[in-house]
All heavy atoms as atom14 arrays in JSON, in Angstrom:
{
  "sequence": "DASPFQRALHLVTVMLATGATALLTAPAA",
  "atom14_mask": [
    [1, 1, 1, 1, 1, 1, 1, 1, 0, 0, 0, 0, 0, 0],
    [1, 1, 1, 1, 1, 0, 0, 0, 0, 0, 0, 0, 0, 0],
    [1, 1, 1, 1, 1, 1, 0, 0, 0, 0, 0, 0, 0, 0],
    [1, 1, 1, 1, 1, 1, 1, 0, 0, 0, 0, 0, 0, 0],
    [1, 1, 1, 1, 1, 1, 1, 1, 1, 1, 1, 0, 0, 0],
    [1, 1, 1, 1, 1, 1, 1, 1, 1, 0, 0, 0, 0, 0],
    [1, 1, 1, 1, 1, 1, 1, 1, 1, 1, 1, 0, 0, 0],
    [1, 1, 1, 1, 1, 0, 0, 0, 0, 0, 0, 0, 0, 0],
    [1, 1, 1, 1, 1, 1, 1, 1, 0, 0, 0, 0, 0, 0],
    [1, 1, 1, 1, 1, 1, 1, 1, 1, 1, 0, 0, 0, 0],
    [1, 1, 1, 1, 1, 1, 1, 1, 0, 0, 0, 0, 0, 0],
    [1, 1, 1, 1, 1, 1, 1, 0, 0, 0, 0, 0, 0, 0],
    [1, 1, 1, 1, 1, 1, 1, 0, 0, 0, 0, 0, 0, 0],
    [1, 1, 1, 1, 1, 1, 1, 0, 0, 0, 0, 0, 0, 0],
    [1, 1, 1, 1, 1, 1, 1, 1, 0, 0, 0, 0, 0, 0],
    [1, 1, 1, 1, 1, 1, 1, 1, 0, 0, 0, 0, 0, 0],
    [1, 1, 1, 1, 1, 0, 0, 0, 0, 0, 0, 0, 0, 0],
    [1, 1, 1, 1, 1, 1, 1, 0, 0, 0, 0, 0, 0, 0],
    [1, 1, 1, 1, 0, 0, 0, 0, 0, 0, 0, 0, 0, 0],
    [1, 1, 1, 1, 1, 0, 0, 0, 0, 0, 0, 0, 0, 0],
    [1, 1, 1, 1, 1, 1, 1, 0, 0, 0, 0, 0, 0, 0],
    [1, 1, 1, 1, 1, 0, 0, 0, 0, 0, 0, 0, 0, 0],
    [1, 1, 1, 1, 1, 1, 1, 1, 0, 0, 0, 0, 0, 0],
    [1, 1, 1, 1, 1, 1, 1, 1, 0, 0, 0, 0, 0, 0],
    [1, 1, 1, 1, 1, 1, 1, 0, 0, 0, 0, 0, 0, 0],
    [1, 1, 1, 1, 1, 0, 0, 0, 0, 0, 0, 0, 0, 0],
    [1, 1, 1, 1, 1, 1, 1, 0, 0, 0, 0, 0, 0, 0],
    [1, 1, 1, 1, 1, 0, 0, 0, 0, 0, 0, 0, 0, 0],
    [1, 1, 1, 1, 1, 0, 0, 0, 0, 0, 0, 0, 0, 0]
  ],
  "atom14_positions": [
    [[-84.78, -57.95, -13.53], [-84.63, -56.56, -13.74], [-85.05, -55.7, -12.64], [-85.05, -54.45, -12.79], [-85.43, -56.18, -15.06], [-84.93, -56.86, -16.28], [-83.75, -57.29, -16.4], [-85.78, -57.11, -17.19], [0.0, 0.0, 0.0], [0.0, 0.0, 0.0], [0.0, 0.0, 0.0], [0.0, 0.0, 0.0], [0.0, 0.0, 0.0], [0.0, 0.0, 0.0]],
    [[-85.43, -56.31, -11.53], [-85.9, -55.56, -10.35], [-84.74, -54.59, -9.88], [-83.53, -55.04, -9.88], [-86.35, -56.45, -9.24], [0.0, 0.0, 0.0], [0.0, 0.0, 0.0], [0.0, 0.0, 0.0], [0.0, 0.0, 0.0], [0.0, 0.0, 0.0], [0.0, 0.0, 0.0], [0.0, 0.0, 0.0], [0.0, 0.0, 0.0], [0.0, 0.0, 0.0]],
    [[-85.14, -53.48, -9.37], [-84.16, -52.55, -8.86], [-83.62, -53.07, -7.48], [-84.35, -53.92, -6.83], [-84.8, -51.15, -8.58], [-85.76, -51.19, -7.58], [0.0, 0.0, 0.0], [0.0, 0.0, 0.0], [0.0, 0.0, 0.0], [0.0, 0.0, 0.0], [0.0, 0.0, 0.0], [0.0, 0.0, 0.0], [0.0, 0.0, 0.0], [0.0, 0.0, 0.0]],
    [[-82.56, -52.52, -6.99], [-82.08, -52.89, -5.66], [-83.16, -52.69, -4.55], [-83.29, -53.53, -3.74], [-80.78, -52.08, -5.46], [-80.33, -51.91, -6.84], [-81.53, -51.73, -7.66], [0.0, 0.0, 0.0], [0.0, 0.0, 0.0], [0.0, 0.0, 0.0], [0.0, 0.0, 0.0], [0.0, 0.0, 0.0], [0.0, 0.0, 0.0], [0.0, 0.0, 0.0]],
    [[-83.86, -51.58, -4.62], [-84.91, -51.25, -3.69], [-85.98, -52.36, -3.79], [-86.5, -52.84, -2.69], [-85.52, -49.89, -4.06], [-86.8, -49.63, -3.17], [-86.74, -49.31, -1.87], [-88.08, -49.79, -3.83], [-87.87, -49.2, -1.04], [-89.19, -49.51, -3.08], [-89.11, -49.19, -1.71], [0.0, 0.0, 0.0], [0.0, 0.0, 0.0], [0.0, 0.0, 0.0]],
    [[-86.45, -52.78, -5.03], [-87.43, -53.72, -5.15], [-87.07, -55.1, -4.63], [-87.78, -55.78, -3.9], [-87.95, -53.88, -6.51], [-88.58, -52.63, -7.16], [-88.73, -52.6, -8.56], [-88.06, -53.35, -9.28], [-89.67, -51.71, -9.19], [0.0, 0.0, 0.0], [0.0, 0.0, 0.0], [0.0, 0.0, 0.0], [0.0, 0.0, 0.0], [0.0, 0.0, 0.0]],
    [[-85.75, -55.42, -4.83], [-85.21, -56.7, -4.31], [-85.17, -56.73, -2.81], [-85.63, -57.62, -2.14], [-83.82, -56.99, -4.86], [-83.89, -57.32, -6.37], [-82.38, -57.44, -6.79], [-82.36, -57.71, -8.24], [-82.36, -58.96, -8.72], [-82.37, -60.03, -7.93], [-82.35, -59.1, -10.02], [0.0, 0.0, 0.0], [0.0, 0.0, 0.0], [0.0, 0.0, 0.0]],
    [[-84.75, -55.57, -2.22], [-84.78, -55.44, -0.72], [-86.13, -55.48, -0.1], [-86.39, -56.22, 0.92], [-84.07, -54.2, -0.35], [0.0, 0.0, 0.0], [0.0, 0.0, 0.0], [0.0, 0.0, 0.0], [0.0, 0.0, 0.0], [0.0, 0.0, 0.0], [0.0, 0.0, 0.0], [0.0, 0.0, 0.0], [0.0, 0.0, 0.0], [0.0, 0.0, 0.0]],
    [[-87.08, -54.79, -0.83], [-88.43, -54.79, -0.31], [-89.02, -56.14, -0.38], [-89.79, -56.63, 0.44], [-89.32, -53.78, -1.09], [-90.77, -53.65, -0.7], [-90.89, -53.33, 0.83], [-91.41, -52.54, -1.53], [0.0, 0.0, 0.0], [0.0, 0.0, 0.0], [0.0, 0.0, 0.0], [0.0, 0.0, 0.0], [0.0, 0.0, 0.0], [0.0, 0.0, 0.0]],
    [[-88.77, -56.82, -1.53], [-89.2, -58.25, -1.65], [-88.74, -59.12, -0.58], [-89.48, -59.86, 0.05], [-88.8, -58.77, -2.99], [-89.22, -60.14, -3.23], [-88.39, -61.27, -2.95], [-90.31, -60.73, -3.75], [-89.0, -62.34, -3.32], [-90.13, -62.03, -3.71], [0.0, 0.0, 0.0], [0.0, 0.0, 0.0], [0.0, 0.0, 0.0], [0.0, 0.0, 0.0]],
    [[-87.38, -59.05, -0.27], [-86.85, -59.95, 0.78], [-87.39, -59.58, 2.2], [-87.7, -60.58, 2.95], [-85.32, -59.79, 0.79], [-84.57, -60.79, 1.78], [-84.99, -62.17, 1.43], [-83.09, -60.53, 1.63], [0.0, 0.0, 0.0], [0.0, 0.0, 0.0], [0.0, 0.0, 0.0], [0.0, 0.0, 0.0], [0.0, 0.0, 0.0], [0.0, 0.0, 0.0]],
    [[-87.55, -58.32, 2.5], [-88.14, -57.99, 3.75], [-89.62, -58.44, 3.84], [-89.98, -59.02, 4.86], [-88.09, -56.39, 3.88], [-88.95, -55.89, 5.1], [-86.67, -55.96, 4.17], [0.0, 0.0, 0.0], [0.0, 0.0, 0.0], [0.0, 0.0, 0.0], [0.0, 0.0, 0.0], [0.0, 0.0, 0.0], [0.0, 0.0, 0.0], [0.0, 0.0, 0.0]],
    [[-90.36, -58.4, 2.8], [-91.73, -58.84, 2.74], [-91.73, -60.3, 2.91], [-92.66, -60.84, 3.55], [-92.39, -58.34, 1.48], [-92.35, -56.89, 1.37], [-93.85, -58.71, 1.43], [0.0, 0.0, 0.0], [0.0, 0.0, 0.0], [0.0, 0.0, 0.0], [0.0, 0.0, 0.0], [0.0, 0.0, 0.0], [0.0, 0.0, 0.0], [0.0, 0.0, 0.0]],
    [[-90.9, -61.01, 2.28], [-90.82, -62.51, 2.46], [-90.53, -62.82, 3.91], [-91.14, -63.78, 4.46], [-89.72, -63.13, 1.48], [-89.38, -64.52, 1.86], [-90.14, -63.04, 0.05], [0.0, 0.0, 0.0], [0.0, 0.0, 0.0], [0.0, 0.0, 0.0], [0.0, 0.0, 0.0], [0.0, 0.0, 0.0], [0.0, 0.0, 0.0], [0.0, 0.0, 0.0]],
    [[-89.62, -62.11, 4.47], [-89.23, -62.43, 5.89], [-90.47, -62.05, 6.9], [-90.7, -62.87, 7.79], [-88.03, -61.7, 6.36], [-86.8, -62.04, 5.6], [-86.49, -63.87, 5.58], [-86.41, -64.27, 7.29], [0.0, 0.0, 0.0], [0.0, 0.0, 0.0], [0.0, 0.0, 0.0], [0.0, 0.0, 0.0], [0.0, 0.0, 0.0], [0.0, 0.0, 0.0]],
    [[-91.17, -61.03, 6.5], [-92.39, -60.71, 7.33], [-93.44, -61.82, 7.17], [-94.09, -62.21, 8.08], [-93.0, -59.4, 6.89], [-92.12, -58.09, 7.3], [-92.67, -56.88, 6.56], [-92.14, -57.9, 8.83], [0.0, 0.0, 0.0], [0.0, 0.0, 0.0], [0.0, 0.0, 0.0], [0.0, 0.0, 0.0], [0.0, 0.0, 0.0], [0.0, 0.0, 0.0]],
    [[-93.62, -62.3, 5.93], [-94.56, -63.36, 5.68], [-94.14, -64.66, 6.46], [-95.01, -65.43, 6.87], [-94.8, -63.62, 4.2], [0.0, 0.0, 0.0], [0.0, 0.0, 0.0], [0.0, 0.0, 0.0], [0.0, 0.0, 0.0], [0.0, 0.0, 0.0], [0.0, 0.0, 0.0], [0.0, 0.0, 0.0], [0.0, 0.0, 0.0], [0.0, 0.0, 0.0]],
    [[-92.82, -64.86, 6.4], [-92.27, -66.1, 7.18], [-92.6, -65.97, 8.6], [-93.08, -66.93, 9.24], [-90.81, -66.09, 6.91], [-90.57, -66.32, 5.55], [-90.12, -67.27, 7.65], [0.0, 0.0, 0.0], [0.0, 0.0, 0.0], [0.0, 0.0, 0.0], [0.0, 0.0, 0.0], [0.0, 0.0, 0.0], [0.0, 0.0, 0.0], [0.0, 0.0, 0.0]],
    [[-92.36, -64.84, 9.2], [-92.68, -64.58, 10.59], [-94.19, -64.78, 10.94], [-94.6, -65.4, 11.87], [0.0, 0.0, 0.0], [0.0, 0.0, 0.0], [0.0, 0.0, 0.0], [0.0, 0.0, 0.0], [0.0, 0.0, 0.0], [0.0, 0.0, 0.0], [0.0, 0.0, 0.0], [0.0, 0.0, 0.0], [0.0, 0.0, 0.0], [0.0, 0.0, 0.0]],
    [[-95.0, -64.21, 10.0], [-96.51, -64.39, 10.16], [-96.85, -65.79, 10.12], [-97.64, -66.34, 10.89], [-97.16, -63.59, 9.11], [0.0, 0.0, 0.0], [0.0, 0.0, 0.0], [0.0, 0.0, 0.0], [0.0, 0.0, 0.0], [0.0, 0.0, 0.0], [0.0, 0.0, 0.0], [0.0, 0.0, 0.0], [0.0, 0.0, 0.0], [0.0, 0.0, 0.0]],
    [[-96.29, -66.56, 9.17], [-96.6, -67.99, 8.99], [-96.21, -68.75, 10.27], [-97.05, -69.54, 10.79], [-95.84, -68.61, 7.86], [-96.36, -67.92, 6.59], [-96.16, -70.09, 7.68], [0.0, 0.0, 0.0], [0.0, 0.0, 0.0], [0.0, 0.0, 0.0], [0.0, 0.0, 0.0], [0.0, 0.0, 0.0], [0.0, 0.0, 0.0], [0.0, 0.0, 0.0]],
    [[-95.05, -68.49, 10.85], [-94.58, -69.18, 12.05], [-95.51, -68.8, 13.2], [-95.89, -69.75, 13.92], [-93.14, -68.69, 12.39], [0.0, 0.0, 0.0], [0.0, 0.0, 0.0], [0.0, 0.0, 0.0], [0.0, 0.0, 0.0], [0.0, 0.0, 0.0], [0.0, 0.0, 0.0], [0.0, 0.0, 0.0], [0.0, 0.0, 0.0], [0.0, 0.0, 0.0]],
    [[-95.82, -67.56, 13.44], [-96.69, -67.13, 14.5], [-98.13, -67.72, 14.34], [-98.75, -68.11, 15.39], [-96.7, -65.66, 14.66], [-95.42, -65.12, 15.24], [-95.33, -63.61, 14.99], [-95.22, -65.44, 16.7], [0.0, 0.0, 0.0], [0.0, 0.0, 0.0], [0.0, 0.0, 0.0], [0.0, 0.0, 0.0], [0.0, 0.0, 0.0], [0.0, 0.0, 0.0]],
    [[-98.71, -67.72, 13.15], [-100.0, -68.1, 13.02], [-100.24, -69.6, 12.98], [-101.37, -70.04, 13.2], [-100.67, -67.41, 11.68], [-100.73, -65.96, 11.61], [-101.11, -65.43, 10.24], [-101.75, -65.48, 12.71], [0.0, 0.0, 0.0], [0.0, 0.0, 0.0], [0.0, 0.0, 0.0], [0.0, 0.0, 0.0], [0.0, 0.0, 0.0], [0.0, 0.0, 0.0]],
    [[-99.17, -70.33, 12.78], [-99.32, -71.81, 12.82], [-98.87, -72.38, 14.21], [-99.12, -73.5, 14.5], [-98.48, -72.51, 11.74], [-97.14, -72.07, 11.79], [-99.13, -72.1, 10.35], [0.0, 0.0, 0.0], [0.0, 0.0, 0.0], [0.0, 0.0, 0.0], [0.0, 0.0, 0.0], [0.0, 0.0, 0.0], [0.0, 0.0, 0.0], [0.0, 0.0, 0.0]],
    [[-98.16, -71.56, 14.97], [-97.69, -72.01, 16.28], [-98.77, -72.52, 17.13], [-98.55, -73.53, 17.89], [-96.79, -70.9, 16.95], [0.0, 0.0, 0.0], [0.0, 0.0, 0.0], [0.0, 0.0, 0.0], [0.0, 0.0, 0.0], [0.0, 0.0, 0.0], [0.0, 0.0, 0.0], [0.0, 0.0, 0.0], [0.0, 0.0, 0.0], [0.0, 0.0, 0.0]],
    [[-100.01, -71.85, 17.22], [-101.01, -72.39, 18.11], [-101.43, -73.8, 17.91], [-101.71, -74.6, 18.76], [-102.13, -71.4, 17.94], [-101.53, -70.14, 17.53], [-100.34, -70.59, 16.7], [0.0, 0.0, 0.0], [0.0, 0.0, 0.0], [0.0, 0.0, 0.0], [0.0, 0.0, 0.0], [0.0, 0.0, 0.0], [0.0, 0.0, 0.0], [0.0, 0.0, 0.0]],
    [[-101.4, -74.19, 16.58], [-101.79, -75.58, 16.26], [-100.74, -76.53, 16.75], [-100.97, -77.57, 17.19], [-101.96, -75.72, 14.75], [0.0, 0.0, 0.0], [0.0, 0.0, 0.0], [0.0, 0.0, 0.0], [0.0, 0.0, 0.0], [0.0, 0.0, 0.0], [0.0, 0.0, 0.0], [0.0, 0.0, 0.0], [0.0, 0.0, 0.0], [0.0, 0.0, 0.0]],
    [[-99.45, -76.12, 16.58], [-98.31, -77.0, 17.12], [-98.38, -77.1, 18.55], [-98.2, -78.16, 19.12], [-96.97, -76.41, 16.61], [0.0, 0.0, 0.0], [0.0, 0.0, 0.0], [0.0, 0.0, 0.0], [0.0, 0.0, 0.0], [0.0, 0.0, 0.0], [0.0, 0.0, 0.0], [0.0, 0.0, 0.0], [0.0, 0.0, 0.0], [0.0, 0.0, 0.0]]
  ]
}
């Protein structure tokens, strides 16, 4: 039942978290 805005905000936030995960784990790799 999420609004289009909520869905878009959710996806953008997921992508930001994905980028953060990649960058914060890169030094170990």
